[in-house]
């Protein structure tokens, strides 16, 4: 009954932009803090960005600060990740996550209750 579906990934050249979307089929979307994580081959799943329930608080990994922007539209049950100035090292599967237990925002995967299937982002040099 809970489903998160990412979209918007693809192949882009270094310096380009992508906008990821995560559509959530959750009864009360606004009750969940949301986050984006990514995982490259052979590496652990890393925090990218998080946003509070009403969108008032955001947090970013140092590696993406100034380049990525997380936002949400509670009327559409959707969270977004705008990615600009992409670098080859951004290449990874990006996952969105929903956390009912998160107090405000969380950078820790274990704090999240539901996860999407991921969308591949590949940045060529």
N, C-alpha and C. Protein backbone atom coordinates (compact mmCIF):
# COMPACT_ATOMS: atom_id res chain seq x y z
N UNK A 1 0.82 -1.20 0.00
CA UNK A 1 0.00 0.00 0.00
C UNK A 1 0.86 1.26 0.00
N UNK A 2 2.12 1.11 0.37
CA UNK A 2 3.06 2.22 0.33
C UNK A 2 4.02 1.98 -0.82
N UNK A 3 4.11 2.95 -1.69
CA UNK A 3 4.96 2.82 -2.86
C UNK A 3 5.62 4.14 -3.19
N UNK A 4 6.92 4.10 -3.43
CA UNK A 4 7.68 5.25 -3.88
C UNK A 4 8.27 4.91 -5.23
N UNK A 5 8.07 5.77 -6.20
CA UNK A 5 8.54 5.51 -7.56
C UNK A 5 9.34 6.70 -8.04
N UNK A 6 10.64 6.46 -8.26
CA UNK A 6 11.51 7.50 -8.77
C UNK A 6 11.45 7.55 -10.29
N UNK A 7 11.69 8.73 -10.82
CA UNK A 7 11.78 8.90 -12.26
C UNK A 7 12.67 10.09 -12.56
N UNK A 8 13.07 10.21 -13.80
CA UNK A 8 13.87 11.35 -14.22
C UNK A 8 15.34 11.09 -14.39
N UNK A 9 15.78 9.89 -14.04
CA UNK A 9 17.18 9.57 -14.23
C UNK A 9 17.52 9.38 -15.69
N UNK A 10 18.80 9.26 -15.96
CA UNK A 10 19.24 9.07 -17.32
C UNK A 10 20.69 9.40 -17.49
N UNK A 11 21.09 9.55 -18.72
CA UNK A 11 22.47 9.86 -19.08
C UNK A 11 22.59 11.34 -19.39
N UNK A 12 23.57 11.97 -18.79
CA UNK A 12 23.79 13.39 -19.00
C UNK A 12 25.29 13.66 -19.01
N UNK A 13 25.69 14.65 -19.76
CA UNK A 13 27.09 15.04 -19.79
C UNK A 13 27.46 15.85 -18.56
N UNK A 14 28.73 15.79 -18.20
CA UNK A 14 29.21 16.59 -17.08
C UNK A 14 28.85 18.05 -17.28
N UNK A 15 28.39 18.67 -16.21
CA UNK A 15 27.95 20.05 -16.28
C UNK A 15 26.48 20.21 -16.57
N UNK A 16 25.82 19.14 -16.93
CA UNK A 16 24.42 19.18 -17.24
C UNK A 16 23.54 19.08 -16.02
N UNK A 17 22.24 19.00 -16.26
CA UNK A 17 21.26 18.98 -15.19
C UNK A 17 20.24 17.87 -15.39
N UNK A 18 19.71 17.39 -14.28
CA UNK A 18 18.60 16.45 -14.26
C UNK A 18 17.68 16.81 -13.11
N UNK A 19 16.42 16.50 -13.27
CA UNK A 19 15.45 16.69 -12.21
C UNK A 19 14.79 15.34 -11.91
N UNK A 20 15.05 14.82 -10.73
CA UNK A 20 14.46 13.57 -10.31
C UNK A 20 13.14 13.83 -9.59
N UNK A 21 12.21 12.92 -9.78
CA UNK A 21 10.94 12.99 -9.09
C UNK A 21 10.70 11.69 -8.35
N UNK A 22 10.01 11.78 -7.24
CA UNK A 22 9.62 10.60 -6.48
C UNK A 22 8.15 10.74 -6.14
N UNK A 23 7.34 9.92 -6.77
CA UNK A 23 5.90 9.93 -6.53
C UNK A 23 5.57 8.94 -5.43
N UNK A 24 4.90 9.40 -4.41
CA UNK A 24 4.61 8.58 -3.24
C UNK A 24 3.14 8.23 -3.16
N UNK A 25 2.87 6.95 -3.05
CA UNK A 25 1.52 6.48 -2.78
C UNK A 25 1.42 6.18 -1.30
N UNK A 26 1.22 7.22 -0.54
CA UNK A 26 1.15 7.14 0.91
C UNK A 26 -0.10 7.87 1.36
N UNK A 27 -0.78 7.30 2.33
CA UNK A 27 -2.05 7.86 2.77
C UNK A 27 -1.93 9.31 3.20
N UNK A 28 -0.95 9.59 4.03
CA UNK A 28 -0.73 10.96 4.48
C UNK A 28 0.72 11.33 4.20
N UNK A 29 0.96 11.80 3.00
CA UNK A 29 2.31 12.11 2.55
C UNK A 29 2.99 13.14 3.45
N UNK A 30 2.23 14.12 3.90
CA UNK A 30 2.79 15.19 4.70
C UNK A 30 3.24 14.73 6.08
N UNK A 31 2.92 13.51 6.46
CA UNK A 31 3.36 12.98 7.74
C UNK A 31 4.79 12.43 7.68
N UNK A 32 5.36 12.37 6.49
CA UNK A 32 6.67 11.77 6.30
C UNK A 32 7.72 12.79 5.93
N UNK A 33 8.83 12.75 6.63
CA UNK A 33 10.02 13.42 6.14
C UNK A 33 10.54 12.61 4.96
N UNK A 34 11.19 13.29 4.02
CA UNK A 34 11.65 12.63 2.81
C UNK A 34 13.15 12.84 2.63
N UNK A 35 13.75 11.90 1.94
CA UNK A 35 15.17 12.01 1.68
C UNK A 35 15.56 11.39 0.36
N UNK A 36 16.71 11.80 -0.12
CA UNK A 36 17.33 11.20 -1.30
C UNK A 36 18.68 10.61 -0.90
N UNK A 37 18.94 9.41 -1.36
CA UNK A 37 20.20 8.73 -1.15
C UNK A 37 20.70 8.21 -2.49
N UNK A 38 21.97 7.90 -2.55
CA UNK A 38 22.51 7.33 -3.78
C UNK A 38 23.53 6.26 -3.46
N UNK A 39 23.68 5.34 -4.38
CA UNK A 39 24.60 4.24 -4.20
C UNK A 39 25.31 3.94 -5.51
N UNK A 40 26.61 4.07 -5.50
CA UNK A 40 27.44 3.73 -6.65
C UNK A 40 27.91 2.29 -6.50
N UNK A 41 28.26 1.64 -7.61
CA UNK A 41 28.72 0.26 -7.54
C UNK A 41 29.89 0.09 -6.57
N UNK A 42 29.78 -0.89 -5.68
CA UNK A 42 30.84 -1.17 -4.74
C UNK A 42 30.93 -0.23 -3.56
N UNK A 43 30.00 0.70 -3.44
CA UNK A 43 30.02 1.66 -2.35
C UNK A 43 28.73 1.57 -1.54
N UNK A 44 28.79 2.11 -0.35
CA UNK A 44 27.61 2.09 0.51
C UNK A 44 26.62 3.16 0.06
N UNK A 45 25.40 3.03 0.55
CA UNK A 45 24.38 4.00 0.23
C UNK A 45 24.63 5.29 1.01
N UNK A 46 24.77 6.38 0.30
CA UNK A 46 25.14 7.66 0.90
C UNK A 46 23.98 8.64 0.88
N UNK A 47 23.95 9.45 1.91
CA UNK A 47 22.98 10.52 2.01
C UNK A 47 23.24 11.59 0.96
N UNK A 48 22.18 12.12 0.39
CA UNK A 48 22.27 13.20 -0.57
C UNK A 48 21.56 14.45 -0.08
N UNK A 49 20.28 14.32 0.23
CA UNK A 49 19.49 15.46 0.65
C UNK A 49 18.27 15.00 1.43
N UNK A 50 17.76 15.86 2.29
CA UNK A 50 16.58 15.54 3.06
C UNK A 50 15.73 16.78 3.22
N UNK A 51 14.44 16.57 3.43
CA UNK A 51 13.51 17.67 3.57
C UNK A 51 12.46 17.31 4.61
N UNK A 52 12.08 18.29 5.40
CA UNK A 52 11.11 18.07 6.46
C UNK A 52 9.70 17.98 5.90
N UNK A 53 8.77 17.67 6.78
CA UNK A 53 7.41 17.38 6.36
C UNK A 53 6.72 18.51 5.60
N UNK A 54 6.95 19.73 6.04
CA UNK A 54 6.33 20.87 5.36
C UNK A 54 7.29 21.60 4.43
N UNK A 55 8.47 21.04 4.25
CA UNK A 55 9.45 21.64 3.36
C UNK A 55 10.24 22.77 3.96
N UNK A 56 10.04 23.05 5.24
CA UNK A 56 10.68 24.19 5.85
C UNK A 56 12.14 24.00 6.20
N UNK A 57 12.58 22.76 6.27
CA UNK A 57 13.96 22.46 6.63
C UNK A 57 14.55 21.53 5.59
N UNK A 58 15.72 21.86 5.09
CA UNK A 58 16.44 21.00 4.16
C UNK A 58 17.86 20.80 4.64
N UNK A 59 18.45 19.69 4.21
CA UNK A 59 19.83 19.40 4.54
C UNK A 59 20.47 18.68 3.37
N UNK A 60 21.75 18.97 3.14
CA UNK A 60 22.44 18.41 1.99
C UNK A 60 23.80 17.84 2.39
N UNK A 61 24.20 16.82 1.68
CA UNK A 61 25.56 16.34 1.80
C UNK A 61 26.51 17.42 1.29
N UNK A 62 27.69 17.50 1.90
CA UNK A 62 28.66 18.51 1.49
C UNK A 62 29.01 18.39 0.00
N UNK A 63 29.00 17.18 -0.50
CA UNK A 63 29.41 16.94 -1.88
C UNK A 63 28.43 17.50 -2.91
N UNK A 64 27.20 17.78 -2.49
CA UNK A 64 26.20 18.27 -3.44
C UNK A 64 25.69 19.66 -3.09
N UNK A 65 26.10 20.19 -1.96
CA UNK A 65 25.62 21.50 -1.54
C UNK A 65 25.97 22.56 -2.59
N UNK A 66 24.99 23.37 -2.93
CA UNK A 66 25.17 24.39 -3.94
C UNK A 66 24.87 23.93 -5.35
N UNK A 67 24.76 22.62 -5.54
CA UNK A 67 24.46 22.07 -6.85
C UNK A 67 23.08 21.42 -6.91
N UNK A 68 22.67 20.79 -5.82
CA UNK A 68 21.41 20.08 -5.78
C UNK A 68 20.41 20.83 -4.91
N UNK A 69 19.13 20.69 -5.25
CA UNK A 69 18.06 21.29 -4.47
C UNK A 69 16.94 20.28 -4.29
N UNK A 70 16.58 20.02 -3.05
CA UNK A 70 15.45 19.14 -2.77
C UNK A 70 14.22 19.99 -2.49
N UNK A 71 13.08 19.52 -2.96
CA UNK A 71 11.83 20.21 -2.71
C UNK A 71 10.71 19.19 -2.68
N UNK A 72 9.55 19.61 -2.21
CA UNK A 72 8.41 18.70 -2.19
C UNK A 72 7.14 19.47 -2.45
N UNK A 73 6.18 18.76 -3.00
CA UNK A 73 4.85 19.31 -3.25
C UNK A 73 3.87 18.35 -2.60
N UNK A 74 3.41 18.70 -1.43
CA UNK A 74 2.54 17.80 -0.68
C UNK A 74 1.19 17.61 -1.35
N UNK A 75 0.77 18.58 -2.14
CA UNK A 75 -0.48 18.44 -2.87
C UNK A 75 -0.38 17.39 -3.96
N UNK A 76 0.84 17.13 -4.43
CA UNK A 76 1.07 16.14 -5.47
C UNK A 76 1.72 14.87 -4.95
N UNK A 77 1.95 14.80 -3.65
CA UNK A 77 2.61 13.64 -3.05
C UNK A 77 3.92 13.32 -3.75
N UNK A 78 4.70 14.36 -3.99
CA UNK A 78 5.92 14.20 -4.77
C UNK A 78 7.07 14.97 -4.15
N UNK A 79 8.24 14.36 -4.15
CA UNK A 79 9.46 15.03 -3.76
C UNK A 79 10.39 15.07 -4.97
N UNK A 80 11.16 16.15 -5.08
CA UNK A 80 12.00 16.37 -6.23
C UNK A 80 13.46 16.54 -5.81
N UNK A 81 14.34 16.27 -6.74
CA UNK A 81 15.74 16.59 -6.57
C UNK A 81 16.25 17.21 -7.86
N UNK A 82 16.46 18.51 -7.82
CA UNK A 82 17.02 19.22 -8.95
C UNK A 82 18.53 19.14 -8.85
N UNK A 83 19.17 18.61 -9.87
CA UNK A 83 20.61 18.39 -9.87
C UNK A 83 21.23 19.20 -11.00
N UNK A 84 22.06 20.15 -10.63
CA UNK A 84 22.76 20.99 -11.59
C UNK A 84 24.26 20.75 -11.49
N UNK A 85 24.97 21.18 -12.51
CA UNK A 85 26.43 21.06 -12.54
C UNK A 85 26.88 19.64 -12.20
N UNK A 86 26.27 18.69 -12.84
CA UNK A 86 26.55 17.29 -12.53
C UNK A 86 27.98 16.90 -12.87
N UNK A 87 28.52 16.02 -12.05
CA UNK A 87 29.88 15.54 -12.20
C UNK A 87 29.87 14.03 -12.39
N UNK A 88 30.89 13.48 -13.03
CA UNK A 88 30.94 12.02 -13.19
C UNK A 88 30.82 11.28 -11.87
N UNK A 89 31.35 11.82 -10.79
CA UNK A 89 31.27 11.17 -9.50
C UNK A 89 29.87 11.16 -8.91
N UNK A 90 28.92 11.85 -9.55
CA UNK A 90 27.53 11.78 -9.14
C UNK A 90 26.85 10.51 -9.66
N UNK A 91 27.50 9.81 -10.55
CA UNK A 91 26.92 8.61 -11.14
C UNK A 91 26.58 7.59 -10.06
N UNK A 92 25.32 7.18 -10.03
CA UNK A 92 24.84 6.26 -9.00
C UNK A 92 23.37 5.96 -9.25
N UNK A 93 22.88 4.99 -8.52
CA UNK A 93 21.44 4.79 -8.44
C UNK A 93 20.92 5.67 -7.32
N UNK A 94 19.96 6.50 -7.63
CA UNK A 94 19.38 7.41 -6.66
C UNK A 94 18.07 6.85 -6.12
N UNK A 95 17.93 6.88 -4.81
CA UNK A 95 16.76 6.36 -4.14
C UNK A 95 16.07 7.45 -3.33
N UNK A 96 14.76 7.47 -3.37
CA UNK A 96 14.03 8.32 -2.45
C UNK A 96 13.53 7.47 -1.29
N UNK A 97 13.35 8.12 -0.17
CA UNK A 97 12.95 7.42 1.04
C UNK A 97 11.98 8.27 1.84
N UNK A 98 11.08 7.60 2.53
CA UNK A 98 10.08 8.26 3.37
C UNK A 98 10.24 7.80 4.81
N UNK A 99 10.25 8.75 5.72
CA UNK A 99 10.46 8.43 7.12
C UNK A 99 9.37 8.98 8.02
N UNK A 100 8.57 8.09 8.56
CA UNK A 100 7.54 8.49 9.51
C UNK A 100 8.14 8.79 10.88
N UNK A 101 9.23 8.10 11.22
CA UNK A 101 9.86 8.23 12.53
C UNK A 101 10.84 9.38 12.63
N UNK A 102 11.17 10.00 11.51
CA UNK A 102 12.13 11.09 11.50
C UNK A 102 11.55 12.30 12.19
N UNK A 103 12.33 12.88 13.11
CA UNK A 103 11.82 14.02 13.87
C UNK A 103 11.66 15.25 12.97
N UNK A 104 12.69 15.64 12.26
CA UNK A 104 12.63 16.77 11.34
C UNK A 104 13.24 16.35 10.00
N UNK A 105 14.54 16.14 9.97
CA UNK A 105 15.22 15.59 8.81
C UNK A 105 16.24 14.58 9.32
N UNK A 106 16.62 13.65 8.47
CA UNK A 106 17.59 12.64 8.84
C UNK A 106 18.51 12.34 7.68
N UNK A 107 19.78 12.12 8.01
CA UNK A 107 20.78 11.72 7.03
C UNK A 107 21.08 10.23 7.10
N UNK A 108 20.37 9.51 7.95
CA UNK A 108 20.67 8.11 8.22
C UNK A 108 19.66 7.20 7.55
N UNK A 109 20.11 6.28 6.70
CA UNK A 109 19.16 5.40 6.01
C UNK A 109 18.25 4.61 6.94
N UNK A 110 18.78 4.19 8.09
CA UNK A 110 18.00 3.36 8.99
C UNK A 110 16.82 4.10 9.61
N UNK A 111 16.80 5.42 9.51
CA UNK A 111 15.69 6.21 10.04
C UNK A 111 14.48 6.22 9.12
N UNK A 112 14.65 5.75 7.91
CA UNK A 112 13.57 5.80 6.92
C UNK A 112 12.83 4.47 6.84
N UNK A 113 11.53 4.56 6.61
CA UNK A 113 10.66 3.40 6.64
C UNK A 113 10.41 2.78 5.28
N UNK A 114 10.38 3.60 4.25
CA UNK A 114 10.03 3.12 2.91
C UNK A 114 11.01 3.67 1.90
N UNK A 115 11.26 2.85 0.88
CA UNK A 115 12.24 3.18 -0.15
C UNK A 115 11.69 2.89 -1.53
N UNK A 116 12.10 3.71 -2.48
CA UNK A 116 11.78 3.44 -3.86
C UNK A 116 12.74 2.43 -4.46
N UNK A 117 12.51 2.09 -5.71
CA UNK A 117 13.33 1.09 -6.39
C UNK A 117 14.61 1.67 -6.97
N UNK A 118 14.68 2.98 -7.04
CA UNK A 118 15.87 3.64 -7.53
C UNK A 118 15.78 4.01 -9.00
N UNK A 119 16.52 5.04 -9.36
CA UNK A 119 16.63 5.44 -10.75
C UNK A 119 18.10 5.74 -11.05
N UNK A 120 18.56 5.26 -12.18
CA UNK A 120 19.97 5.37 -12.53
C UNK A 120 20.29 6.76 -13.07
N UNK A 121 21.33 7.36 -12.53
CA UNK A 121 21.87 8.61 -13.03
C UNK A 121 23.30 8.35 -13.47
N UNK A 122 23.58 8.62 -14.72
CA UNK A 122 24.92 8.42 -15.26
C UNK A 122 25.41 9.73 -15.84
N UNK A 123 26.55 10.18 -15.37
CA UNK A 123 27.14 11.44 -15.82
C UNK A 123 28.42 11.11 -16.57
N UNK A 124 28.46 11.44 -17.83
CA UNK A 124 29.62 11.15 -18.65
C UNK A 124 30.60 12.32 -18.62
N UNK A 125 31.87 12.01 -18.81
CA UNK A 125 32.91 13.02 -18.79
C UNK A 125 33.21 13.54 -20.17
